[in-house]
C-alpha atoms as a PDB file:
ATOM      1  CA  MET A   1      81.105  85.453  97.956  1.00  0.00           C
ATOM      2  CA  ALA A   2      81.391  88.764  99.803  1.00  0.00           C
ATOM      3  CA  VAL A   3      84.940  87.980 100.864  1.00  0.00           C
ATOM      4  CA  SER A   4      85.868  87.089  97.293  1.00  0.00           C
ATOM      5  CA  ASN A   5      84.438  90.379  96.027  1.00  0.00           C
ATOM      6  CA  ASN A   6      86.317  92.300  98.704  1.00  0.00           C
ATOM      7  CA  VAL A   7      89.575  90.591  97.781  1.00  0.00           C
ATOM      8  CA  PHE A   8      89.011  91.385  94.116  1.00  0.00           C
ATOM      9  CA  MET A   9      88.223  95.049  94.801  1.00  0.00           C
ATOM     10  CA  THR A  10      91.229  95.359  97.105  1.00  0.00           C
ATOM     11  CA  PHE A  11      93.486  93.944  94.417  1.00  0.00           C
ATOM     12  CA  PHE A  12      91.854  96.151  91.760  1.00  0.00           C
ATOM     13  CA  THR A  13      92.343  99.271  93.893  1.00  0.00           C
ATOM     14  CA  ALA A  14      95.876  98.483  95.075  1.00  0.00           C
ATOM     15  CA  THR A  15      97.137  97.755  91.563  1.00  0.00           C
ATOM     16  CA  ARG A  16      95.225 100.675  90.015  1.00  0.00           C
ATOM     17  CA  ALA A  17      93.797  98.282  87.447  1.00  0.00           C
ATOM     18  CA  TYR A  18      91.643 101.066  85.998  1.00  0.00           C
ATOM     19  CA  SER A  19      94.694 101.975  83.891  1.00  0.00           C
ATOM     20  CA  LEU A  20      94.684  98.609  82.075  1.00  0.00           C
ATOM     21  CA  PRO A  21      92.832  99.871  78.966  1.00  0.00           C
ATOM     22  CA  ILE A  22      96.126 101.442  77.826  1.00  0.00           C
ATOM     23  CA  SER A  23      97.842  98.047  77.841  1.00  0.00           C
ATOM     24  CA  ILE A  24      94.898  96.240  76.282  1.00  0.00           C
ATOM     25  CA  MET A  25      94.567  98.775  73.469  1.00  0.00           C
ATOM     26  CA  SER A  26      98.299  98.594  72.750  1.00  0.00           C
ATOM     27  CA  TRP A  27      98.118  94.782  72.663  1.00  0.00           C
ATOM     28  CA  PHE A  28      95.073  94.454  70.433  1.00  0.00           C
ATOM     29  CA  VAL A  29      96.552  95.960  67.249  1.00  0.00           C
ATOM     30  CA  PRO A  30      99.612  93.663  66.972  1.00  0.00           C
ATOM     31  CA  PHE A  31      97.399  90.733  68.040  1.00  0.00           C
ATOM     32  CA  LEU A  32      95.064  91.410  65.118  1.00  0.00           C
ATOM     33  CA  LEU A  33      97.955  91.837  62.705  1.00  0.00           C
ATOM     34  CA  GLY A  34      99.435  88.594  64.013  1.00  0.00           C
ATOM     35  CA  ILE A  35      96.180  86.765  63.257  1.00  0.00           C
ATOM     36  CA  PHE A  36      96.163  88.009  59.644  1.00  0.00           C
ATOM     37  CA  SER A  37      99.798  86.953  59.317  1.00  0.00           C
ATOM     38  CA  GLY A  38      98.890  83.387  60.310  1.00  0.00           C
ATOM     39  CA  GLY A  39     100.272  83.740  63.813  1.00  0.00           C
ATOM     40  CA  ASN A  40      99.573  81.602  66.860  1.00  0.00           C
ATOM     41  CA  VAL A  41      96.343  82.957  68.375  1.00  0.00           C
ATOM     42  CA  TYR A  42      96.853  81.096  71.656  1.00  0.00           C
ATOM     43  CA  TYR A  43     100.287  82.654  72.173  1.00  0.00           C
ATOM     44  CA  GLY A  44      98.819  86.060  71.407  1.00  0.00           C
ATOM     45  CA  LEU A  45      96.082  85.656  74.025  1.00  0.00           C
ATOM     46  CA  VAL A  46      98.506  84.406  76.667  1.00  0.00           C
ATOM     47  CA  SER A  47     100.793  87.369  75.956  1.00  0.00           C
ATOM     48  CA  LEU A  48      97.951  89.675  77.010  1.00  0.00           C
ATOM     49  CA  PHE A  49      97.936  88.093  80.472  1.00  0.00           C
ATOM     50  CA  GLY A  50     101.689  88.607  80.714  1.00  0.00           C
ATOM     51  CA  ILE A  51     101.340  92.267  79.742  1.00  0.00           C
ATOM     52  CA  ILE A  52      98.527  92.815  82.252  1.00  0.00           C
ATOM     53  CA  VAL A  53     100.487  91.183  85.090  1.00  0.00           C
ATOM     54  CA  LEU A  54     103.568  93.311  84.357  1.00  0.00           C
ATOM     55  CA  HIS A  55     101.468  96.469  84.147  1.00  0.00           C
ATOM     56  CA  LEU A  56      99.809  95.788  87.515  1.00  0.00           C
ATOM     57  CA  ALA A  57     103.154  94.888  89.084  1.00  0.00           C
ATOM     58  CA  THR A  58     104.589  98.212  87.950  1.00  0.00           C
ATOM     59  CA  ASN A  59     101.608 100.162  89.288  1.00  0.00           C
ATOM     60  CA  ILE A  60     101.675  98.726  92.808  1.00  0.00           C
ATOM     61  CA  PHE A  61     105.492  98.790  92.972  1.00  0.00           C
ATOM     62  CA  ASP A  62     105.428 102.464  91.969  1.00  0.00           C
ATOM     63  CA  ASP A  63     102.941 103.182  94.771  1.00  0.00           C
ATOM     64  CA  ALA A  64     105.036 101.272  97.321  1.00  0.00           C
ATOM     65  CA  ILE A  65     108.189 103.195  96.374  1.00  0.00           C
ATOM     66  CA  ASP A  66     106.358 106.536  96.483  1.00  0.00           C
ATOM     67  CA  TYR A  67     104.880 105.727  99.903  1.00  0.00           C
ATOM     68  CA  THR A  68     108.305 104.711 101.225  1.00  0.00           C
ATOM     69  CA  ARG A  69     109.830 107.914  99.896  1.00  0.00           C
ATOM     70  CA  GLU A  70     107.111 110.117 101.403  1.00  0.00           C
ATOM     71  CA  LYS A  71     107.245 108.278 104.750  1.00  0.00           C
ATOM     72  CA  LYS A  72     110.992 108.924 104.954  1.00  0.00           C
ATOM     73  CA  LEU A  73     110.480 112.640 104.334  1.00  0.00           C
ATOM     74  CA  ILE A  74     107.828 112.747 107.062  1.00  0.00           C
ATOM     75  CA  ASP A  75     110.072 110.879 109.517  1.00  0.00           C
ATOM     76  CA  LEU A  76     112.845 113.391 108.776  1.00  0.00           C
ATOM     77  CA  LYS A  77     110.377 116.256 109.471  1.00  0.00           C
ATOM     78  CA  ILE A  78     110.879 117.553 105.929  1.00  0.00           C
ATOM     79  CA  LYS A  79     107.151 117.083 105.313  1.00  0.00           C
ATOM     80  CA  ASN A  80     104.332 116.915 107.834  1.00  0.00           C
ATOM     81  CA  LYS A  81     101.851 114.704 105.951  1.00  0.00           C
ATOM     82  CA  PHE A  82     101.270 112.488 102.938  1.00  0.00           C
ATOM     83  CA  ASN A  83      99.961 114.328  99.940  1.00  0.00           C
ATOM     84  CA  PHE A  84      99.049 111.882  97.171  1.00  0.00           C
ATOM     85  CA  GLN A  85      96.612 111.996  94.293  1.00  0.00           C
ATOM     86  CA  ALA A  86      93.259 110.301  94.832  1.00  0.00           C
ATOM     87  CA  GLY A  87      93.568 106.519  94.569  1.00  0.00           C
ATOM     88  CA  LYS A  88      97.318 106.301  95.079  1.00  0.00           C
ATOM     89  CA  CYS A  89      98.220 103.969  97.975  1.00  0.00           C
ATOM     90  CA  ALA A  90      94.497 103.934  98.826  1.00  0.00           C
ATOM     91  CA  CYS A  91      94.582 100.479 100.444  1.00  0.00           C
ATOM     92  CA  ILE A  92      97.419 101.530 102.757  1.00  0.00           C
ATOM     93  CA  PHE A  93      95.654 104.698 103.911  1.00  0.00           C
ATOM     94  CA  ASP A  94      92.396 102.772 104.420  1.00  0.00           C
ATOM     95  CA  GLY A  95      94.224 100.214 106.566  1.00  0.00           C
ATOM     96  CA  ILE A  96      93.315  97.336 104.252  1.00  0.00           C
ATOM     97  CA  LEU A  97      96.895  96.494 103.249  1.00  0.00           C
ATOM     98  CA  SER A  98     100.275  97.292 104.745  1.00  0.00           C
ATOM     99  CA  LEU A  99     103.301  98.657 102.921  1.00  0.00           C
ATOM    100  CA  LYS A 100     104.936  95.244 103.327  1.00  0.00           C
ATOM    101  CA  GLN A 101     101.962  93.625 101.607  1.00  0.00           C
ATOM    102  CA  TYR A 102     102.235  96.120  98.758  1.00  0.00           C
ATOM    103  CA  TYR A 103     105.837  95.041  98.223  1.00  0.00           C
ATOM    104  CA  MET A 104     104.885  91.367  98.518  1.00  0.00           C
ATOM    105  CA  ILE A 105     102.125  91.698  95.907  1.00  0.00           C
ATOM    106  CA  SER A 106     104.427  93.565  93.539  1.00  0.00           C
ATOM    107  CA  PHE A 107     107.110  90.875  94.001  1.00  0.00           C
ATOM    108  CA  VAL A 108     104.634  88.079  93.237  1.00  0.00           C
ATOM    109  CA  LEU A 109     103.317  89.890  90.153  1.00  0.00           C
ATOM    110  CA  PHE A 110     106.830  90.583  88.867  1.00  0.00           C
ATOM    111  CA  LEU A 111     107.664  86.927  89.477  1.00  0.00           C
ATOM    112  CA  PHE A 112     104.654  85.816  87.434  1.00  0.00           C
ATOM    113  CA  SER A 113     105.605  88.199  84.627  1.00  0.00           C
ATOM    114  CA  LEU A 114     109.094  86.675  84.593  1.00  0.00           C
ATOM    115  CA  LEU A 115     107.584  83.197  84.353  1.00  0.00           C
ATOM    116  CA  PHE A 116     105.582  84.352  81.330  1.00  0.00           C
ATOM    117  CA  ALA A 117     108.778  85.766  79.835  1.00  0.00           C
ATOM    118  CA  PHE A 118     110.799  82.567  80.389  1.00  0.00           C
ATOM    119  CA  ALA A 119     107.968  80.446  78.987  1.00  0.00           C
ATOM    120  CA  PHE A 120     107.803  82.507  75.806  1.00  0.00           C
ATOM    121  CA  MET A 121     111.593  82.487  75.440  1.00  0.00           C
ATOM    122  CA  TYR A 122     111.508  78.707  75.676  1.00  0.00           C
ATOM    123  CA  LEU A 123     108.725  78.483  73.097  1.00  0.00           C
ATOM    124  CA  CYS A 124     109.748  81.281  70.733  1.00  0.00           C
ATOM    125  CA  GLY A 125     113.510  81.682  71.113  1.00  0.00           C
ATOM    126  CA  LEU A 126     116.060  83.943  72.755  1.00  0.00           C
ATOM    127  CA  LYS A 127     115.457  86.755  70.252  1.00  0.00           C
ATOM    128  CA  LEU A 128     112.553  87.704  72.492  1.00  0.00           C
ATOM    129  CA  LEU A 129     115.143  89.045  74.937  1.00  0.00           C
ATOM    130  CA  PHE A 130     115.334  92.175  72.750  1.00  0.00           C
ATOM    131  CA  VAL A 131     111.830  92.976  74.054  1.00  0.00           C
ATOM    132  CA  ILE A 132     111.812  91.370  77.501  1.00  0.00           C
ATOM    133  CA  ILE A 133     115.014  92.874  78.931  1.00  0.00           C
ATOM    134  CA  PRO A 134     114.238  96.555  78.188  1.00  0.00           C
ATOM    135  CA  CYS A 135     110.584  96.082  79.200  1.00  0.00           C
ATOM    136  CA  ILE A 136     111.403  94.656  82.635  1.00  0.00           C
ATOM    137  CA  PHE A 137     114.238  97.164  83.100  1.00  0.00           C
ATOM    138  CA  ILE A 138     111.903 100.084  82.391  1.00  0.00           C
ATOM    139  CA  CYS A 139     109.125  98.757  84.632  1.00  0.00           C
ATOM    140  CA  LEU A 140     111.448  98.183  87.588  1.00  0.00           C
ATOM    141  CA  LEU A 141     113.049 101.629  87.281  1.00  0.00           C
ATOM    142  CA  TYR A 142     109.840 103.499  86.463  1.00  0.00           C
ATOM    143  CA  PRO A 143     109.321 104.762  90.062  1.00  0.00           C
ATOM    144  CA  VAL A 144     112.758 106.422  89.917  1.00  0.00           C
ATOM    145  CA  LEU A 145     112.919 107.516  86.288  1.00  0.00           C
ATOM    146  CA  GLY A 146     109.305 108.693  86.365  1.00  0.00           C
ATOM    147  CA  CYS A 147     110.216 111.220  89.072  1.00  0.00           C
ATOM    148  CA  LEU A 148     112.886 112.645  86.770  1.00  0.00           C
ATOM    149  CA  GLY A 149     110.363 113.695  84.146  1.00  0.00           C
ATOM    150  CA  LEU A 150     110.894 110.590  82.016  1.00  0.00           C
ATOM    151  CA  GLY A 151     107.522 108.954  82.668  1.00  0.00           C
ATOM    152  CA  GLU A 152     106.026 109.828  79.279  1.00  0.00           C
ATOM    153  CA  VAL A 153     109.182 108.725  77.468  1.00  0.00           C
ATOM    154  CA  LEU A 154     109.088 105.351  79.207  1.00  0.00           C
ATOM    155  CA  VAL A 155     105.420 104.911  78.347  1.00  0.00           C
ATOM    156  CA  SER A 156     106.115 105.657  74.693  1.00  0.00           C
ATOM    157  CA  ILE A 157     108.782 102.939  74.629  1.00  0.00           C
ATOM    158  CA  VAL A 158     106.743 100.265  76.421  1.00  0.00           C
ATOM    159  CA  PHE A 159     103.386 100.873  74.780  1.00  0.00           C
ATOM    160  CA  SER A 160     104.655 101.250  71.238  1.00  0.00           C
ATOM    161  CA  PRO A 161     107.748  99.334  70.058  1.00  0.00           C
ATOM    162  CA  LEU A 162     108.025  96.840  72.914  1.00  0.00           C
ATOM    163  CA  ILE A 163     104.436  95.588  73.198  1.00  0.00           C
ATOM    164  CA  TYR A 164     103.867  95.698  69.436  1.00  0.00           C
ATOM    165  CA  SER A 165     107.083  93.877  68.625  1.00  0.00           C
ATOM    166  CA  GLY A 166     106.741  91.374  71.460  1.00  0.00           C
ATOM    167  CA  VAL A 167     103.153  90.346  70.750  1.00  0.00           C
ATOM    168  CA  TYR A 168     103.739  90.052  67.001  1.00  0.00           C
ATOM    169  CA  TYR A 169     106.941  88.073  67.540  1.00  0.00           C
ATOM    170  CA  VAL A 170     105.442  85.476  69.896  1.00  0.00           C
ATOM    171  CA  MET A 171     102.635  84.948  67.392  1.00  0.00           C
ATOM    172  CA  THR A 172     104.651  84.836  64.157  1.00  0.00           C
ATOM    173  CA  GLY A 173     108.276  84.257  65.164  1.00  0.00           C
ATOM    174  CA  VAL A 174     109.502  87.369  63.323  1.00  0.00           C
ATOM    175  CA  TYR A 175     109.970  91.068  64.011  1.00  0.00           C
ATOM    176  CA  SER A 176     108.269  93.504  61.639  1.00  0.00           C
ATOM    177  CA  TYR A 177     109.497  96.958  60.594  1.00  0.00           C
ATOM    178  CA  ASP A 178     105.982  97.924  59.491  1.00  0.00           C
ATOM    179  CA  ILE A 179     104.634  96.986  62.921  1.00  0.00           C
ATOM    180  CA  LEU A 180     107.144  99.324  64.542  1.00  0.00           C
ATOM    181  CA  LEU A 181     106.119 102.188  62.274  1.00  0.00           C
ATOM    182  CA  LEU A 182     102.440 101.654  63.023  1.00  0.00           C
ATOM    183  CA  SER A 183     103.122 101.463  66.750  1.00  0.00           C
ATOM    184  CA  ILE A 184     104.259 105.083  66.756  1.00  0.00           C
ATOM    185  CA  SER A 185     100.677 106.351  66.486  1.00  0.00           C
ATOM    186  CA  THR A 186      99.170 104.408  69.392  1.00  0.00           C
ATOM    187  CA  GLY A 187     102.381 104.912  71.352  1.00  0.00           C
ATOM    188  CA  LEU A 188     102.063 108.686  71.049  1.00  0.00           C
ATOM    189  CA  LEU A 189      98.423 108.513  72.126  1.00  0.00           C
ATOM    190  CA  ALA A 190      99.419 106.401  75.139  1.00  0.00           C
ATOM    191  CA  VAL A 191     101.896 109.147  75.982  1.00  0.00           C
ATOM    192  CA  ALA A 192      99.089 111.692  75.554  1.00  0.00           C
ATOM    193  CA  VAL A 193      96.956 109.767  78.078  1.00  0.00           C
ATOM    194  CA  LEU A 194      99.685 109.878  80.730  1.00  0.00           C
ATOM    195  CA  HIS A 195     100.629 113.471  79.881  1.00  0.00           C
ATOM    196  CA  ASN A 196      97.001 114.526  80.281  1.00  0.00           C
ATOM    197  CA  HIS A 197      96.892 112.848  83.705  1.00  0.00           C
ATOM    198  CA  MET A 198     100.054 114.706  84.676  1.00  0.00           C
ATOM    199  CA  LEU A 199      98.492 117.943  83.442  1.00  0.00           C
ATOM    200  CA  LEU A 200      95.494 117.344  85.698  1.00  0.00           C
ATOM    201  CA  ASP A 201      97.954 116.941  88.591  1.00  0.00           C
ATOM    202  CA  PHE A 202     100.141 119.905  87.595  1.00  0.00           C
ATOM    203  CA  ARG A 203      99.405 122.035  90.661  1.00  0.00           C
ATOM    204  CA  PHE A 204      99.625 119.038  92.979  1.00  0.00           C
ATOM    205  CA  ASP A 205     103.025 118.086  91.530  1.00  0.00           C
ATOM    206  CA  LEU A 206     104.195 121.697  91.742  1.00  0.00           C
ATOM    207  CA  THR A 207     103.333 121.792  95.450  1.00  0.00           C
ATOM    208  CA  ASN A 208     105.119 118.480  96.050  1.00  0.00           C
ATOM    209  CA  ARG A 209     108.085 119.389  93.830  1.00  0.00           C
ATOM    210  CA  LYS A 210     107.551 116.295  91.722  1.00  0.00           C
ATOM    211  CA  ILE A 211     109.351 116.496  88.395  1.00  0.00           C
ATOM    212  CA  THR A 212     107.167 115.602  85.410  1.00  0.00           C
ATOM    213  CA  LEU A 213     107.292 116.500  81.745  1.00  0.00           C
ATOM    214  CA  CYS A 214     104.489 118.988  82.382  1.00  0.00           C
ATOM    215  CA  ARG A 215     106.591 120.752  85.002  1.00  0.00           C
ATOM    216  CA  LEU A 216     109.685 120.671  82.814  1.00  0.00           C
ATOM    217  CA  VAL A 217     107.714 122.434  80.084  1.00  0.00           C
ATOM    218  CA  GLY A 218     107.078 125.201  82.572  1.00  0.00           C
ATOM    219  CA  SER A 219     103.343 125.918  82.648  1.00  0.00           C
ATOM    220  CA  GLU A 220      99.935 124.318  82.224  1.00  0.00           C
ATOM    221  CA  LYS A 221      99.285 126.127  78.949  1.00  0.00           C
ATOM    222  CA  LYS A 222     102.600 124.987  77.459  1.00  0.00           C
ATOM    223  CA  ALA A 223     101.888 121.457  78.672  1.00  0.00           C
ATOM    224  CA  LEU A 224      98.501 121.647  76.925  1.00  0.00           C
ATOM    225  CA  VAL A 225     100.246 122.663  73.696  1.00  0.00           C
ATOM    226  CA  LEU A 226     102.554 119.665  74.082  1.00  0.00           C
ATOM    227  CA  LEU A 227      99.506 117.422  74.566  1.00  0.00           C
ATOM    228  CA  GLY A 228      98.178 118.692  71.251  1.00  0.00           C
ATOM    229  CA  ILE A 229     101.537 118.025  69.599  1.00  0.00           C
ATOM    230  CA  PHE A 230     101.536 114.398  70.772  1.00  0.00           C
ATOM    231  CA  ILE A 231      98.067 113.886  69.291  1.00  0.00           C
ATOM    232  CA  ILE A 232      98.863 115.657  66.004  1.00  0.00           C
ATOM    233  CA  LEU A 233     102.050 113.605  65.547  1.00  0.00           C
ATOM    234  CA  SER A 234     100.015 110.448  66.074  1.00  0.00           C
ATOM    235  CA  TYR A 235      97.733 111.421  63.195  1.00  0.00           C
ATOM    236  CA  LEU A 236     100.585 112.603  60.995  1.00  0.00           C
ATOM    237  CA  ASN A 237     102.304 109.252  61.398  1.00  0.00           C
ATOM    238  CA  LEU A 238      99.303 107.534  59.801  1.00  0.00           C
ATOM    239  CA  VAL A 239      99.322 110.043  56.953  1.00  0.00           C
ATOM    240  CA  PHE A 240     103.041 109.358  56.455  1.00  0.00           C
ATOM    241  CA  LEU A 241     102.483 105.593  56.395  1.00  0.00           C
ATOM    242  CA  VAL A 242      99.697 105.867  53.810  1.00  0.00           C
ATOM    243  CA  PHE A 243     101.398 108.272  51.424  1.00  0.00           C
ATOM    244  CA  PHE A 244     105.043 107.269  51.822  1.00  0.00           C
ATOM    245  CA  LYS A 245     105.063 103.659  53.061  1.00  0.00           C
ATOM    246  CA  ASP A 246     102.337 102.096  50.872  1.00  0.00           C
ATOM    247  CA  PHE A 247      99.884 101.463  53.702  1.00  0.00           C
ATOM    248  CA  SER A 248      96.259 101.184  52.590  1.00  0.00           C
ATOM    249  CA  PHE A 249      94.051 104.277  52.661  1.00  0.00           C
ATOM    250  CA  TRP A 250      91.973 102.402  55.239  1.00  0.00           C
ATOM    251  CA  TYR A 251      94.630 103.374  57.782  1.00  0.00           C
ATOM    252  CA  LEU A 252      93.392 106.955  57.594  1.00  0.00           C
ATOM    253  CA  LEU A 253      90.125 105.860  59.241  1.00  0.00           C
ATOM    254  CA  PRO A 254      91.341 106.663  62.806  1.00  0.00           C
ATOM    255  CA  LEU A 255      91.646 110.315  61.762  1.00  0.00           C
ATOM    256  CA  ILE A 256      87.902 110.528  62.449  1.00  0.00           C
ATOM    257  CA  THR A 257      88.832 110.779  66.130  1.00  0.00           C
ATOM    258  CA  ILE A 258      90.230 114.247  65.486  1.00  0.00           C
ATOM    259  CA  PHE A 259      86.861 115.579  66.693  1.00  0.00           C
ATOM    260  CA  GLN A 260      87.392 113.828  70.038  1.00  0.00           C
ATOM    261  CA  ALA A 261      90.912 115.222  70.174  1.00  0.00           C
ATOM    262  CA  VAL A 262      89.709 118.781  69.576  1.00  0.00           C
ATOM    263  CA  ASN A 263      87.101 118.347  72.310  1.00  0.00           C
ATOM    264  CA  LEU A 264      89.786 117.023  74.693  1.00  0.00           C
ATOM    265  CA  ILE A 265      91.990 120.078  74.111  1.00  0.00           C
ATOM    266  CA  LYS A 266      89.015 122.411  74.527  1.00  0.00           C
ATOM    267  CA  VAL A 267      87.890 120.740  77.762  1.00  0.00           C
ATOM    268  CA  MET A 268      91.406 120.760  79.193  1.00  0.00           C
ATOM    269  CA  TYR A 269      91.815 124.432  78.288  1.00  0.00           C
ATOM    270  CA  ASN A 270      88.669 125.227  80.264  1.00  0.00           C
ATOM    271  CA  TYR A 271      89.850 123.024  83.130  1.00  0.00           C
ATOM    272  CA  ILE A 272      93.129 124.910  83.390  1.00  0.00           C
ATOM    273  CA  GLY A 273      91.170 128.124  83.764  1.00  0.00           C
ATOM    274  CA  SER A 274      88.764 126.731  86.373  1.00  0.00           C
ATOM    275  CA  PRO A 275      89.777 123.380  87.909  1.00  0.00           C
ATOM    276  CA  ASN A 276      87.419 121.457  90.193  1.00  0.00           C
ATOM    277  CA  SER A 277      87.087 117.879  91.445  1.00  0.00           C
ATOM    278  CA  GLU A 278      84.098 117.044  89.208  1.00  0.00           C
ATOM    279  CA  ASN A 279      85.936 118.174  86.088  1.00  0.00           C
ATOM    280  CA  PHE A 280      88.985 116.225  87.236  1.00  0.00           C
ATOM    281  CA  LEU A 281      87.134 112.907  87.210  1.00  0.00           C
ATOM    282  CA  ASN A 282      85.504 113.594  83.846  1.00  0.00           C
ATOM    283  CA  ASN A 283      88.704 114.817  82.208  1.00  0.00           C
ATOM    284  CA  PHE A 284      90.627 111.809  83.517  1.00  0.00           C
ATOM    285  CA  LYS A 285      88.589 109.550  81.203  1.00  0.00           C
ATOM    286  CA  LEU A 286      88.675 111.681  78.037  1.00  0.00           C
ATOM    287  CA  PRO A 287      92.164 110.761  76.745  1.00  0.00           C
ATOM    288  CA  GLN A 288      91.564 107.049  77.446  1.00  0.00           C
ATOM    289  CA  ASN A 289      88.337 107.289  75.444  1.00  0.00           C
ATOM    290  CA  LEU A 290      90.288 108.898  72.608  1.00  0.00           C
ATOM    291  CA  LEU A 291      92.881 106.111  72.660  1.00  0.00           C
ATOM    292  CA  THR A 292      90.130 103.476  72.724  1.00  0.00           C
ATOM    293  CA  SER A 293      88.248 105.012  69.780  1.00  0.00           C
ATOM    294  CA  PHE A 294      91.475 105.456  67.805  1.00  0.00           C
ATOM    295  CA  THR A 295      92.516 101.835  68.395  1.00  0.00           C
ATOM    296  CA  ILE A 296      89.094 100.415  67.515  1.00  0.00           C
ATOM    297  CA  LEU A 297      89.089 102.354  64.233  1.00  0.00           C
ATOM    298  CA  LEU A 298      92.652 101.223  63.555  1.00  0.00           C
ATOM    299  CA  CYS A 299      91.562  97.616  64.044  1.00  0.00           C
ATOM    300  CA  ILE A 300      88.628  98.157  61.681  1.00  0.00           C
ATOM    301  CA  ALA A 301      91.098  99.576  59.159  1.00  0.00           C
ATOM    302  CA  ILE A 302      93.274  96.471  59.473  1.00  0.00           C
ATOM    303  CA  VAL A 303      90.322  94.150  58.942  1.00  0.00           C
ATOM    304  CA  ALA A 304      89.081  96.223  55.975  1.00  0.00           C
ATOM    305  CA  ASP A 305      92.555  96.281  54.446  1.00  0.00           C
ATOM    306  CA  LYS A 306      92.915  92.507  54.716  1.00  0.00           C
ATOM    307  CA  CYS A 307      89.379  91.503  53.786  1.00  0.00           C
ATOM    308  CA  ILE A 308      88.037  94.058  51.296  1.00  0.00           C
END
């Protein structure tokens, strides 16, 4: 049993599975909508496993590429040591896994995600390629494109139109324009989660000359303003859908989380002025909690709209 637990924790750590709530929250809304549209529940549940596998594959592949890149710089005497955020490549530094094993695990996970994709294409049709091709393309190139300041943009594409459209399609066999519009809100909040993480690492990335959207903005305070803009646009999208696209007033329910959003901005403002490791760990969870609360309320709105 101990060995099994160790293997599980090693896999959890290496793949940074703590980030999975973003994928699960993005999946749950189209899954619920698919149920109310008479969709195939089994297909919807299986799609979650495919999304999780692809997410974990991307995480560990990103770490392997970053480690390879840093090791090359050290070998060339351009840098004298590794300087990663806490948790990144942890199993390599602890001597539990090798770089080769990181690549092997990422290859196996990507292979499994492809098998999920081929299975769904066989069951649901080739139109699913409109989701699968860009999703795999983005995940494979994320380690490169993410270093060019495009990480948040890629997240917004994967966690809004692609996951929403893909899950709903495998369940119902059709693409939905309304689903795409609704996905904008949770997609923007997913971007806010990643952007907040990048903001926490702003000084680290500045030291390591890593290009992120936060750095492109120019300062921590400007990046904080951009974080607020992402959140506000997420709320405004719901207001737009209710008043201009005939969505039920129930869809305004997630606006209750505005109090969490205000607290997040306030906490991050204080963190910028006085950063410390304890605040880092606490602030890392705040945007994920906001996304979780927002998504739960959105799901309650969907159920209320369909049942009341």
